[in-house]
ModelCIF file with pLDDT and N, C-alpha, C, O atoms, coordinates in Angstrom:
data_MODEL
#
_entry.id   MODEL 
#
_entity.id                         1 
_entity.type                       polymer 
_entity.pdbx_number_of_molecules   1 
#
_entity_poly.entity_id                      1 
_entity_poly.type                           'polypeptide(L)' 
_entity_poly.nstd_linkage                   no 
_entity_poly.nstd_monomer                   no 
_entity_poly.pdbx_seq_one_letter_code       QLKIAFVRTGYIMSNYEPYRVAMKTFRDFETAETEKLQKKGELF 
_entity_poly.pdbx_seq_one_letter_code_can   QLKIAFVRTGYIMSNYEPYRVAMKTFRDFETAETEKLQKKGELF 
_entity_poly.pdbx_strand_id                 A 
#
loop_
_entity_poly_seq.entity_id 
_entity_poly_seq.num 
_entity_poly_seq.mon_id 
_entity_poly_seq.hetero 
1 1  GLN n 
1 2  LEU n 
1 3  LYS n 
1 4  ILE n 
1 5  ALA n 
1 6  PHE n 
1 7  VAL n 
1 8  ARG n 
1 9  THR n 
1 10 GLY n 
1 11 TYR n 
1 12 ILE n 
1 13 MET n 
1 14 SER n 
1 15 ASN n 
1 16 TYR n 
1 17 GLU n 
1 18 PRO n 
1 19 TYR n 
1 20 ARG n 
1 21 VAL n 
1 22 ALA n 
1 23 MET n 
1 24 LYS n 
1 25 THR n 
1 26 PHE n 
1 27 ARG n 
1 28 ASP n 
1 29 PHE n 
1 30 GLU n 
1 31 THR n 
1 32 ALA n 
1 33 GLU n 
1 34 THR n 
1 35 GLU n 
1 36 LYS n 
1 37 LEU n 
1 38 GLN n 
1 39 LYS n 
1 40 LYS n 
1 41 GLY n 
1 42 GLU n 
1 43 LEU n 
1 44 PHE n 
#
_struct_asym.id          A 
_struct_asym.entity_id   1 
#
loop_
_ma_qa_metric.id 
_ma_qa_metric.mode 
_ma_qa_metric.name 
_ma_qa_metric.software_group_id 
_ma_qa_metric.type 
1 global pLDDT . pLDDT 
2 local  pLDDT . pLDDT 
#
_ma_qa_metric_global.metric_id      1 
_ma_qa_metric_global.metric_value   91.50 
_ma_qa_metric_global.model_id       1 
_ma_qa_metric_global.ordinal_id     1 
#
loop_
_ma_qa_metric_local.label_asym_id 
_ma_qa_metric_local.label_comp_id 
_ma_qa_metric_local.label_seq_id 
_ma_qa_metric_local.metric_id 
_ma_qa_metric_local.metric_value 
_ma_qa_metric_local.model_id 
_ma_qa_metric_local.ordinal_id 
A GLN 1  2 79.00 1 1  
A LEU 2  2 85.00 1 2  
A LYS 3  2 85.00 1 3  
A ILE 4  2 86.00 1 4  
A ALA 5  2 87.00 1 5  
A PHE 6  2 85.00 1 6  
A VAL 7  2 86.00 1 7  
A ARG 8  2 86.00 1 8  
A THR 9  2 85.00 1 9  
A GLY 10 2 86.00 1 10 
A TYR 11 2 89.00 1 11 
A ILE 12 2 89.00 1 12 
A MET 13 2 87.00 1 13 
A SER 14 2 87.00 1 14 
A ASN 15 2 88.00 1 15 
A TYR 16 2 89.00 1 16 
A GLU 17 2 86.00 1 17 
A PRO 18 2 89.00 1 18 
A TYR 19 2 91.00 1 19 
A ARG 20 2 91.00 1 20 
A VAL 21 2 92.00 1 21 
A ALA 22 2 93.00 1 22 
A MET 23 2 95.00 1 23 
A LYS 24 2 96.00 1 24 
A THR 25 2 96.00 1 25 
A PHE 26 2 96.00 1 26 
A ARG 27 2 97.00 1 27 
A ASP 28 2 97.00 1 28 
A PHE 29 2 97.00 1 29 
A GLU 30 2 97.00 1 30 
A THR 31 2 97.00 1 31 
A ALA 32 2 97.00 1 32 
A GLU 33 2 97.00 1 33 
A THR 34 2 96.00 1 34 
A GLU 35 2 97.00 1 35 
A LYS 36 2 96.00 1 36 
A LEU 37 2 95.00 1 37 
A GLN 38 2 96.00 1 38 
A LYS 39 2 96.00 1 39 
A LYS 40 2 94.00 1 40 
A GLY 41 2 93.00 1 41 
A GLU 42 2 95.00 1 42 
A LEU 43 2 94.00 1 43 
A PHE 44 2 91.00 1 44 
#
loop_
_atom_site.group_PDB 
_atom_site.id 
_atom_site.type_symbol 
_atom_site.label_atom_id 
_atom_site.label_alt_id 
_atom_site.label_comp_id 
_atom_site.label_asym_id 
_atom_site.label_entity_id 
_atom_site.label_seq_id 
_atom_site.pdbx_PDB_ins_code 
_atom_site.Cartn_x 
_atom_site.Cartn_y 
_atom_site.Cartn_z 
_atom_site.occupancy 
_atom_site.B_iso_or_equiv 
_atom_site.pdbx_formal_charge 
_atom_site.auth_seq_id 
_atom_site.auth_comp_id 
_atom_site.auth_asym_id 
_atom_site.auth_atom_id 
_atom_site.pdbx_PDB_model_num 
ATOM 1   N N  . GLN A 1 1  ? 44.714  33.746 -6.283  1.00 79.00 ? 1  GLN A N  1 
ATOM 2   C CA . GLN A 1 1  ? 44.088  33.600 -4.967  1.00 79.00 ? 1  GLN A CA 1 
ATOM 3   C C  . GLN A 1 1  ? 42.599  33.152 -5.083  1.00 79.00 ? 1  GLN A C  1 
ATOM 4   O O  . GLN A 1 1  ? 42.031  32.595 -4.144  1.00 79.00 ? 1  GLN A O  1 
ATOM 5   N N  . LEU A 1 2  ? 42.016  33.406 -6.220  1.00 85.00 ? 2  LEU A N  1 
ATOM 6   C CA . LEU A 1 2  ? 40.622  33.041 -6.427  1.00 85.00 ? 2  LEU A CA 1 
ATOM 7   C C  . LEU A 1 2  ? 40.484  31.586 -6.653  1.00 85.00 ? 2  LEU A C  1 
ATOM 8   O O  . LEU A 1 2  ? 41.029  31.051 -7.618  1.00 85.00 ? 2  LEU A O  1 
ATOM 9   N N  . LYS A 1 3  ? 39.750  30.904 -5.769  1.00 85.00 ? 3  LYS A N  1 
ATOM 10  C CA . LYS A 1 3  ? 39.568  29.447 -5.867  1.00 85.00 ? 3  LYS A CA 1 
ATOM 11  C C  . LYS A 1 3  ? 38.134  29.189 -6.407  1.00 85.00 ? 3  LYS A C  1 
ATOM 12  O O  . LYS A 1 3  ? 37.140  29.718 -5.909  1.00 85.00 ? 3  LYS A O  1 
ATOM 13  N N  . ILE A 1 4  ? 38.102  28.373 -7.417  1.00 86.00 ? 4  ILE A N  1 
ATOM 14  C CA . ILE A 1 4  ? 36.827  27.982 -8.042  1.00 86.00 ? 4  ILE A CA 1 
ATOM 15  C C  . ILE A 1 4  ? 36.771  26.466 -8.016  1.00 86.00 ? 4  ILE A C  1 
ATOM 16  O O  . ILE A 1 4  ? 37.787  25.790 -8.181  1.00 86.00 ? 4  ILE A O  1 
ATOM 17  N N  . ALA A 1 5  ? 35.591  25.948 -7.812  1.00 87.00 ? 5  ALA A N  1 
ATOM 18  C CA . ALA A 1 5  ? 35.417  24.507 -7.763  1.00 87.00 ? 5  ALA A CA 1 
ATOM 19  C C  . ALA A 1 5  ? 34.087  24.133 -8.447  1.00 87.00 ? 5  ALA A C  1 
ATOM 20  O O  . ALA A 1 5  ? 33.276  24.997 -8.782  1.00 87.00 ? 5  ALA A O  1 
ATOM 21  N N  . PHE A 1 6  ? 33.900  22.857 -8.636  1.00 85.00 ? 6  PHE A N  1 
ATOM 22  C CA . PHE A 1 6  ? 32.602  22.392 -9.162  1.00 85.00 ? 6  PHE A CA 1 
ATOM 23  C C  . PHE A 1 6  ? 32.222  21.125 -8.446  1.00 85.00 ? 6  PHE A C  1 
ATOM 24  O O  . PHE A 1 6  ? 33.054  20.447 -7.843  1.00 85.00 ? 6  PHE A O  1 
ATOM 25  N N  . VAL A 1 7  ? 30.956  20.824 -8.524  1.00 86.00 ? 7  VAL A N  1 
ATOM 26  C CA . VAL A 1 7  ? 30.423  19.554 -7.982  1.00 86.00 ? 7  VAL A CA 1 
ATOM 27  C C  . VAL A 1 7  ? 29.568  18.886 -9.078  1.00 86.00 ? 7  VAL A C  1 
ATOM 28  O O  . VAL A 1 7  ? 29.071  19.538 -9.996  1.00 86.00 ? 7  VAL A O  1 
ATOM 29  N N  . ARG A 1 8  ? 29.425  17.573 -8.938  1.00 86.00 ? 8  ARG A N  1 
ATOM 30  C CA . ARG A 1 8  ? 28.532  16.826 -9.803  1.00 86.00 ? 8  ARG A CA 1 
ATOM 31  C C  . ARG A 1 8  ? 27.467  16.255 -8.922  1.00 86.00 ? 8  ARG A C  1 
ATOM 32  O O  . ARG A 1 8  ? 27.636  15.197 -8.318  1.00 86.00 ? 8  ARG A O  1 
ATOM 33  N N  . THR A 1 9  ? 26.345  16.975 -8.850  1.00 85.00 ? 9  THR A N  1 
ATOM 34  C CA . THR A 1 9  ? 25.269  16.647 -7.926  1.00 85.00 ? 9  THR A CA 1 
ATOM 35  C C  . THR A 1 9  ? 24.722  15.242 -8.171  1.00 85.00 ? 9  THR A C  1 
ATOM 36  O O  . THR A 1 9  ? 24.468  14.509 -7.215  1.00 85.00 ? 9  THR A O  1 
ATOM 37  N N  . GLY A 1 10 ? 24.534  14.853 -9.435  1.00 86.00 ? 10 GLY A N  1 
ATOM 38  C CA . GLY A 1 10 ? 24.033  13.511 -9.754  1.00 86.00 ? 10 GLY A CA 1 
ATOM 39  C C  . GLY A 1 10 ? 24.922  12.438 -9.166  1.00 86.00 ? 10 GLY A C  1 
ATOM 40  O O  . GLY A 1 10 ? 24.450  11.472 -8.568  1.00 86.00 ? 10 GLY A O  1 
ATOM 41  N N  . TYR A 1 11 ? 26.214  12.624 -9.346  1.00 89.00 ? 11 TYR A N  1 
ATOM 42  C CA . TYR A 1 11 ? 27.197  11.670 -8.810  1.00 89.00 ? 11 TYR A CA 1 
ATOM 43  C C  . TYR A 1 11 ? 27.132  11.632 -7.281  1.00 89.00 ? 11 TYR A C  1 
ATOM 44  O O  . TYR A 1 11 ? 27.165  10.562 -6.672  1.00 89.00 ? 11 TYR A O  1 
ATOM 45  N N  . ILE A 1 12 ? 27.041  12.823 -6.671  1.00 89.00 ? 12 ILE A N  1 
ATOM 46  C CA . ILE A 1 12 ? 26.975  12.884 -5.183  1.00 89.00 ? 12 ILE A CA 1 
ATOM 47  C C  . ILE A 1 12 ? 25.760  12.139 -4.710  1.00 89.00 ? 12 ILE A C  1 
ATOM 48  O O  . ILE A 1 12 ? 25.840  11.299 -3.813  1.00 89.00 ? 12 ILE A O  1 
ATOM 49  N N  . MET A 1 13 ? 24.604  12.453 -5.328  1.00 87.00 ? 13 MET A N  1 
ATOM 50  C CA . MET A 1 13 ? 23.344  11.857 -4.870  1.00 87.00 ? 13 MET A CA 1 
ATOM 51  C C  . MET A 1 13 ? 23.331  10.350 -5.116  1.00 87.00 ? 13 MET A C  1 
ATOM 52  O O  . MET A 1 13 ? 22.807  9.599  -4.294  1.00 87.00 ? 13 MET A O  1 
ATOM 53  N N  . SER A 1 14 ? 23.888  9.908  -6.209  1.00 87.00 ? 14 SER A N  1 
ATOM 54  C CA . SER A 1 14 ? 23.859  8.467  -6.473  1.00 87.00 ? 14 SER A CA 1 
ATOM 55  C C  . SER A 1 14 ? 24.752  7.702  -5.479  1.00 87.00 ? 14 SER A C  1 
ATOM 56  O O  . SER A 1 14 ? 24.621  6.487  -5.334  1.00 87.00 ? 14 SER A O  1 
ATOM 57  N N  . ASN A 1 15 ? 25.622  8.390  -4.826  1.00 88.00 ? 15 ASN A N  1 
ATOM 58  C CA . ASN A 1 15 ? 26.524  7.799  -3.826  1.00 88.00 ? 15 ASN A CA 1 
ATOM 59  C C  . ASN A 1 15 ? 26.136  8.154  -2.410  1.00 88.00 ? 15 ASN A C  1 
ATOM 60  O O  . ASN A 1 15 ? 26.901  7.893  -1.481  1.00 88.00 ? 15 ASN A O  1 
ATOM 61  N N  . TYR A 1 16 ? 24.976  8.739  -2.220  1.00 89.00 ? 16 TYR A N  1 
ATOM 62  C CA . TYR A 1 16 ? 24.544  9.165  -0.855  1.00 89.00 ? 16 TYR A CA 1 
ATOM 63  C C  . TYR A 1 16 ? 23.310  8.371  -0.485  1.00 89.00 ? 16 TYR A C  1 
ATOM 64  O O  . TYR A 1 16 ? 22.232  8.581  -1.042  1.00 89.00 ? 16 TYR A O  1 
ATOM 65  N N  . GLU A 1 17 ? 23.469  7.472  0.444   1.00 86.00 ? 17 GLU A N  1 
ATOM 66  C CA . GLU A 1 17 ? 22.406  6.522  0.815   1.00 86.00 ? 17 GLU A CA 1 
ATOM 67  C C  . GLU A 1 17 ? 21.117  7.228  1.239   1.00 86.00 ? 17 GLU A C  1 
ATOM 68  O O  . GLU A 1 17 ? 20.048  6.805  0.800   1.00 86.00 ? 17 GLU A O  1 
ATOM 69  N N  . PRO A 1 18 ? 21.152  8.249  2.042   1.00 89.00 ? 18 PRO A N  1 
ATOM 70  C CA . PRO A 1 18 ? 19.854  8.886  2.419   1.00 89.00 ? 18 PRO A CA 1 
ATOM 71  C C  . PRO A 1 18 ? 19.059  9.357  1.213   1.00 89.00 ? 18 PRO A C  1 
ATOM 72  O O  . PRO A 1 18 ? 17.829  9.309  1.221   1.00 89.00 ? 18 PRO A O  1 
ATOM 73  N N  . TYR A 1 19 ? 19.750  9.809  0.182   1.00 91.00 ? 19 TYR A N  1 
ATOM 74  C CA . TYR A 1 19 ? 19.058  10.214 -1.045  1.00 91.00 ? 19 TYR A CA 1 
ATOM 75  C C  . TYR A 1 19 ? 18.383  9.005  -1.738  1.00 91.00 ? 19 TYR A C  1 
ATOM 76  O O  . TYR A 1 19 ? 17.222  9.069  -2.142  1.00 91.00 ? 19 TYR A O  1 
ATOM 77  N N  . ARG A 1 20 ? 19.135  7.931  -1.856  1.00 91.00 ? 20 ARG A N  1 
ATOM 78  C CA . ARG A 1 20 ? 18.594  6.722  -2.509  1.00 91.00 ? 20 ARG A CA 1 
ATOM 79  C C  . ARG A 1 20 ? 17.387  6.220  -1.731  1.00 91.00 ? 20 ARG A C  1 
ATOM 80  O O  . ARG A 1 20 ? 16.383  5.839  -2.333  1.00 91.00 ? 20 ARG A O  1 
ATOM 81  N N  . VAL A 1 21 ? 17.466  6.212  -0.418  1.00 92.00 ? 21 VAL A N  1 
ATOM 82  C CA . VAL A 1 21 ? 16.328  5.749  0.404   1.00 92.00 ? 21 VAL A CA 1 
ATOM 83  C C  . VAL A 1 21 ? 15.131  6.681  0.226   1.00 92.00 ? 21 VAL A C  1 
ATOM 84  O O  . VAL A 1 21 ? 14.001  6.224  0.048   1.00 92.00 ? 21 VAL A O  1 
ATOM 85  N N  . ALA A 1 22 ? 15.385  7.989  0.275   1.00 93.00 ? 22 ALA A N  1 
ATOM 86  C CA . ALA A 1 22 ? 14.322  8.962  0.118   1.00 93.00 ? 22 ALA A CA 1 
ATOM 87  C C  . ALA A 1 22 ? 13.619  8.840  -1.239  1.00 93.00 ? 22 ALA A C  1 
ATOM 88  O O  . ALA A 1 22 ? 12.392  8.912  -1.315  1.00 93.00 ? 22 ALA A O  1 
ATOM 89  N N  . MET A 1 23 ? 14.409  8.654  -2.318  1.00 95.00 ? 23 MET A N  1 
ATOM 90  C CA . MET A 1 23 ? 13.839  8.530  -3.631  1.00 95.00 ? 23 MET A CA 1 
ATOM 91  C C  . MET A 1 23 ? 13.060  7.241  -3.785  1.00 95.00 ? 23 MET A C  1 
ATOM 92  O O  . MET A 1 23 ? 12.002  7.236  -4.414  1.00 95.00 ? 23 MET A O  1 
ATOM 93  N N  . LYS A 1 24 ? 13.559  6.138  -3.222  1.00 96.00 ? 24 LYS A N  1 
ATOM 94  C CA . LYS A 1 24 ? 12.827  4.883  -3.290  1.00 96.00 ? 24 LYS A CA 1 
ATOM 95  C C  . LYS A 1 24 ? 11.473  5.011  -2.565  1.00 96.00 ? 24 LYS A C  1 
ATOM 96  O O  . LYS A 1 24 ? 10.437  4.580  -3.070  1.00 96.00 ? 24 LYS A O  1 
ATOM 97  N N  . THR A 1 25 ? 11.514  5.611  -1.378  1.00 96.00 ? 25 THR A N  1 
ATOM 98  C CA . THR A 1 25 ? 10.287  5.840  -0.636  1.00 96.00 ? 25 THR A CA 1 
ATOM 99  C C  . THR A 1 25 ? 9.321   6.701  -1.400  1.00 96.00 ? 25 THR A C  1 
ATOM 100 O O  . THR A 1 25 ? 8.121   6.426  -1.421  1.00 96.00 ? 25 THR A O  1 
ATOM 101 N N  . PHE A 1 26 ? 9.833   7.755  -2.038  1.00 96.00 ? 26 PHE A N  1 
ATOM 102 C CA . PHE A 1 26 ? 8.966   8.620  -2.846  1.00 96.00 ? 26 PHE A CA 1 
ATOM 103 C C  . PHE A 1 26 ? 8.384   7.879  -4.026  1.00 96.00 ? 26 PHE A C  1 
ATOM 104 O O  . PHE A 1 26 ? 7.189   7.987  -4.298  1.00 96.00 ? 26 PHE A O  1 
ATOM 105 N N  . ARG A 1 27 ? 9.223   7.114  -4.743  1.00 97.00 ? 27 ARG A N  1 
ATOM 106 C CA . ARG A 1 27 ? 8.728   6.384  -5.934  1.00 97.00 ? 27 ARG A CA 1 
ATOM 107 C C  . ARG A 1 27 ? 7.668   5.369  -5.560  1.00 97.00 ? 27 ARG A C  1 
ATOM 108 O O  . ARG A 1 27 ? 6.669   5.210  -6.262  1.00 97.00 ? 27 ARG A O  1 
ATOM 109 N N  . ASP A 1 28 ? 7.893   4.671  -4.429  1.00 97.00 ? 28 ASP A N  1 
ATOM 110 C CA . ASP A 1 28 ? 6.888   3.727  -3.946  1.00 97.00 ? 28 ASP A CA 1 
ATOM 111 C C  . ASP A 1 28 ? 5.563   4.431  -3.637  1.00 97.00 ? 28 ASP A C  1 
ATOM 112 O O  . ASP A 1 28 ? 4.490   3.938  -3.986  1.00 97.00 ? 28 ASP A O  1 
ATOM 113 N N  . PHE A 1 29 ? 5.653   5.564  -2.993  1.00 97.00 ? 29 PHE A N  1 
ATOM 114 C CA . PHE A 1 29 ? 4.452   6.349  -2.645  1.00 97.00 ? 29 PHE A CA 1 
ATOM 115 C C  . PHE A 1 29 ? 3.766   6.807  -3.930  1.00 97.00 ? 29 PHE A C  1 
ATOM 116 O O  . PHE A 1 29 ? 2.550   6.670  -4.068  1.00 97.00 ? 29 PHE A O  1 
ATOM 117 N N  . GLU A 1 30 ? 4.534   7.344  -4.863  1.00 97.00 ? 30 GLU A N  1 
ATOM 118 C CA . GLU A 1 30 ? 3.987   7.830  -6.150  1.00 97.00 ? 30 GLU A CA 1 
ATOM 119 C C  . GLU A 1 30 ? 3.277   6.721  -6.889  1.00 97.00 ? 30 GLU A C  1 
ATOM 120 O O  . GLU A 1 30 ? 2.175   6.919  -7.402  1.00 97.00 ? 30 GLU A O  1 
ATOM 121 N N  . THR A 1 31 ? 3.891   5.562  -6.950  1.00 97.00 ? 31 THR A N  1 
ATOM 122 C CA . THR A 1 31 ? 3.323   4.390  -7.638  1.00 97.00 ? 31 THR A CA 1 
ATOM 123 C C  . THR A 1 31 ? 2.017   3.953  -6.975  1.00 97.00 ? 31 THR A C  1 
ATOM 124 O O  . THR A 1 31 ? 1.041   3.664  -7.667  1.00 97.00 ? 31 THR A O  1 
ATOM 125 N N  . ALA A 1 32 ? 1.992   3.902  -5.649  1.00 97.00 ? 32 ALA A N  1 
ATOM 126 C CA . ALA A 1 32 ? 0.787   3.486  -4.925  1.00 97.00 ? 32 ALA A CA 1 
ATOM 127 C C  . ALA A 1 32 ? -0.349  4.489  -5.153  1.00 97.00 ? 32 ALA A C  1 
ATOM 128 O O  . ALA A 1 32 ? -1.479  4.086  -5.429  1.00 97.00 ? 32 ALA A O  1 
ATOM 129 N N  . GLU A 1 33 ? -0.062  5.785  -5.040  1.00 97.00 ? 33 GLU A N  1 
ATOM 130 C CA . GLU A 1 33 ? -1.093  6.786  -5.227  1.00 97.00 ? 33 GLU A CA 1 
ATOM 131 C C  . GLU A 1 33 ? -1.629  6.815  -6.640  1.00 97.00 ? 33 GLU A C  1 
ATOM 132 O O  . GLU A 1 33 ? -2.834  6.950  -6.856  1.00 97.00 ? 33 GLU A O  1 
ATOM 133 N N  . THR A 1 34 ? -0.735  6.689  -7.599  1.00 96.00 ? 34 THR A N  1 
ATOM 134 C CA . THR A 1 34 ? -1.119  6.673  -9.004  1.00 96.00 ? 34 THR A CA 1 
ATOM 135 C C  . THR A 1 34 ? -2.001  5.446  -9.301  1.00 96.00 ? 34 THR A C  1 
ATOM 136 O O  . THR A 1 34 ? -3.008  5.554  -10.000 1.00 96.00 ? 34 THR A O  1 
ATOM 137 N N  . GLU A 1 35 ? -1.619  4.304  -8.772  1.00 97.00 ? 35 GLU A N  1 
ATOM 138 C CA . GLU A 1 35 ? -2.392  3.068  -8.998  1.00 97.00 ? 35 GLU A CA 1 
ATOM 139 C C  . GLU A 1 35 ? -3.785  3.215  -8.376  1.00 97.00 ? 35 GLU A C  1 
ATOM 140 O O  . GLU A 1 35 ? -4.768  2.791  -8.984  1.00 97.00 ? 35 GLU A O  1 
ATOM 141 N N  . LYS A 1 36 ? -3.891  3.795  -7.199  1.00 96.00 ? 36 LYS A N  1 
ATOM 142 C CA . LYS A 1 36 ? -5.207  4.006  -6.568  1.00 96.00 ? 36 LYS A CA 1 
ATOM 143 C C  . LYS A 1 36 ? -6.111  4.855  -7.462  1.00 96.00 ? 36 LYS A C  1 
ATOM 144 O O  . LYS A 1 36 ? -7.282  4.546  -7.683  1.00 96.00 ? 36 LYS A O  1 
ATOM 145 N N  . LEU A 1 37 ? -5.516  5.938  -7.965  1.00 95.00 ? 37 LEU A N  1 
ATOM 146 C CA . LEU A 1 37 ? -6.300  6.841  -8.826  1.00 95.00 ? 37 LEU A CA 1 
ATOM 147 C C  . LEU A 1 37 ? -6.666  6.154  -10.149 1.00 95.00 ? 37 LEU A C  1 
ATOM 148 O O  . LEU A 1 37 ? -7.768  6.361  -10.659 1.00 95.00 ? 37 LEU A O  1 
ATOM 149 N N  . GLN A 1 38 ? -5.776  5.352  -10.705 1.00 96.00 ? 38 GLN A N  1 
ATOM 150 C CA . GLN A 1 38 ? -6.061  4.631  -11.946 1.00 96.00 ? 38 GLN A CA 1 
ATOM 151 C C  . GLN A 1 38 ? -7.206  3.652  -11.715 1.00 96.00 ? 38 GLN A C  1 
ATOM 152 O O  . GLN A 1 38 ? -8.095  3.539  -12.559 1.00 96.00 ? 38 GLN A O  1 
ATOM 153 N N  . LYS A 1 39 ? -7.203  2.953  -10.605 1.00 96.00 ? 39 LYS A N  1 
ATOM 154 C CA . LYS A 1 39 ? -8.275  2.012  -10.312 1.00 96.00 ? 39 LYS A CA 1 
ATOM 155 C C  . LYS A 1 39 ? -9.617  2.727  -10.181 1.00 96.00 ? 39 LYS A C  1 
ATOM 156 O O  . LYS A 1 39 ? -10.639 2.233  -10.658 1.00 96.00 ? 39 LYS A O  1 
ATOM 157 N N  . LYS A 1 40 ? -9.612  3.880  -9.537  1.00 94.00 ? 40 LYS A N  1 
ATOM 158 C CA . LYS A 1 40 ? -10.864 4.672  -9.430  1.00 94.00 ? 40 LYS A CA 1 
ATOM 159 C C  . LYS A 1 40 ? -11.319 5.101  -10.831 1.00 94.00 ? 40 LYS A C  1 
ATOM 160 O O  . LYS A 1 40 ? -12.513 5.091  -11.130 1.00 94.00 ? 40 LYS A O  1 
ATOM 161 N N  . GLY A 1 41 ? -10.367 5.474  -11.678 1.00 93.00 ? 41 GLY A N  1 
ATOM 162 C CA . GLY A 1 41 ? -10.709 5.878  -13.027 1.00 93.00 ? 41 GLY A CA 1 
ATOM 163 C C  . GLY A 1 41 ? -11.281 4.716  -13.825 1.00 93.00 ? 41 GLY A C  1 
ATOM 164 O O  . GLY A 1 41 ? -12.230 4.897  -14.589 1.00 93.00 ? 41 GLY A O  1 
ATOM 165 N N  . GLU A 1 42 ? -10.713 3.525  -13.656 1.00 95.00 ? 42 GLU A N  1 
ATOM 166 C CA . GLU A 1 42 ? -11.216 2.356  -14.360 1.00 95.00 ? 42 GLU A CA 1 
ATOM 167 C C  . GLU A 1 42 ? -12.622 1.995  -13.893 1.00 95.00 ? 42 GLU A C  1 
ATOM 168 O O  . GLU A 1 42 ? -13.484 1.641  -14.698 1.00 95.00 ? 42 GLU A O  1 
ATOM 169 N N  . LEU A 1 43 ? -12.842 2.091  -12.570 1.00 94.00 ? 43 LEU A N  1 
ATOM 170 C CA . LEU A 1 43 ? -14.204 1.828  -12.052 1.00 94.00 ? 43 LEU A CA 1 
ATOM 171 C C  . LEU A 1 43 ? -15.188 2.849  -12.594 1.00 94.00 ? 43 LEU A C  1 
ATOM 172 O O  . LEU A 1 43 ? -16.318 2.502  -12.938 1.00 94.00 ? 43 LEU A O  1 
ATOM 173 N N  . PHE A 1 44 ? -14.772 4.100  -12.673 1.00 91.00 ? 44 PHE A N  1 
ATOM 174 C CA . PHE A 1 44 ? -15.636 5.136  -13.228 1.00 91.00 ? 44 PHE A CA 1 
ATOM 175 C C  . PHE A 1 44 ? -15.980 4.842  -14.706 1.00 91.00 ? 44 PHE A C  1 
ATOM 176 O O  . PHE A 1 44 ? -16.703 5.614  -15.336 1.00 91.00 ? 44 PHE A O  1 
#
């Protein structure tokens, strides 16, 4: 009677469009913020 299951979160997320969109948005934001800080560091 005991039912056990498993999920593969990586597989789920790679097939879930909202996750892909959220991660792309985050990566773009991270890249932009990191580049801004690097430019300030180079000027310094």
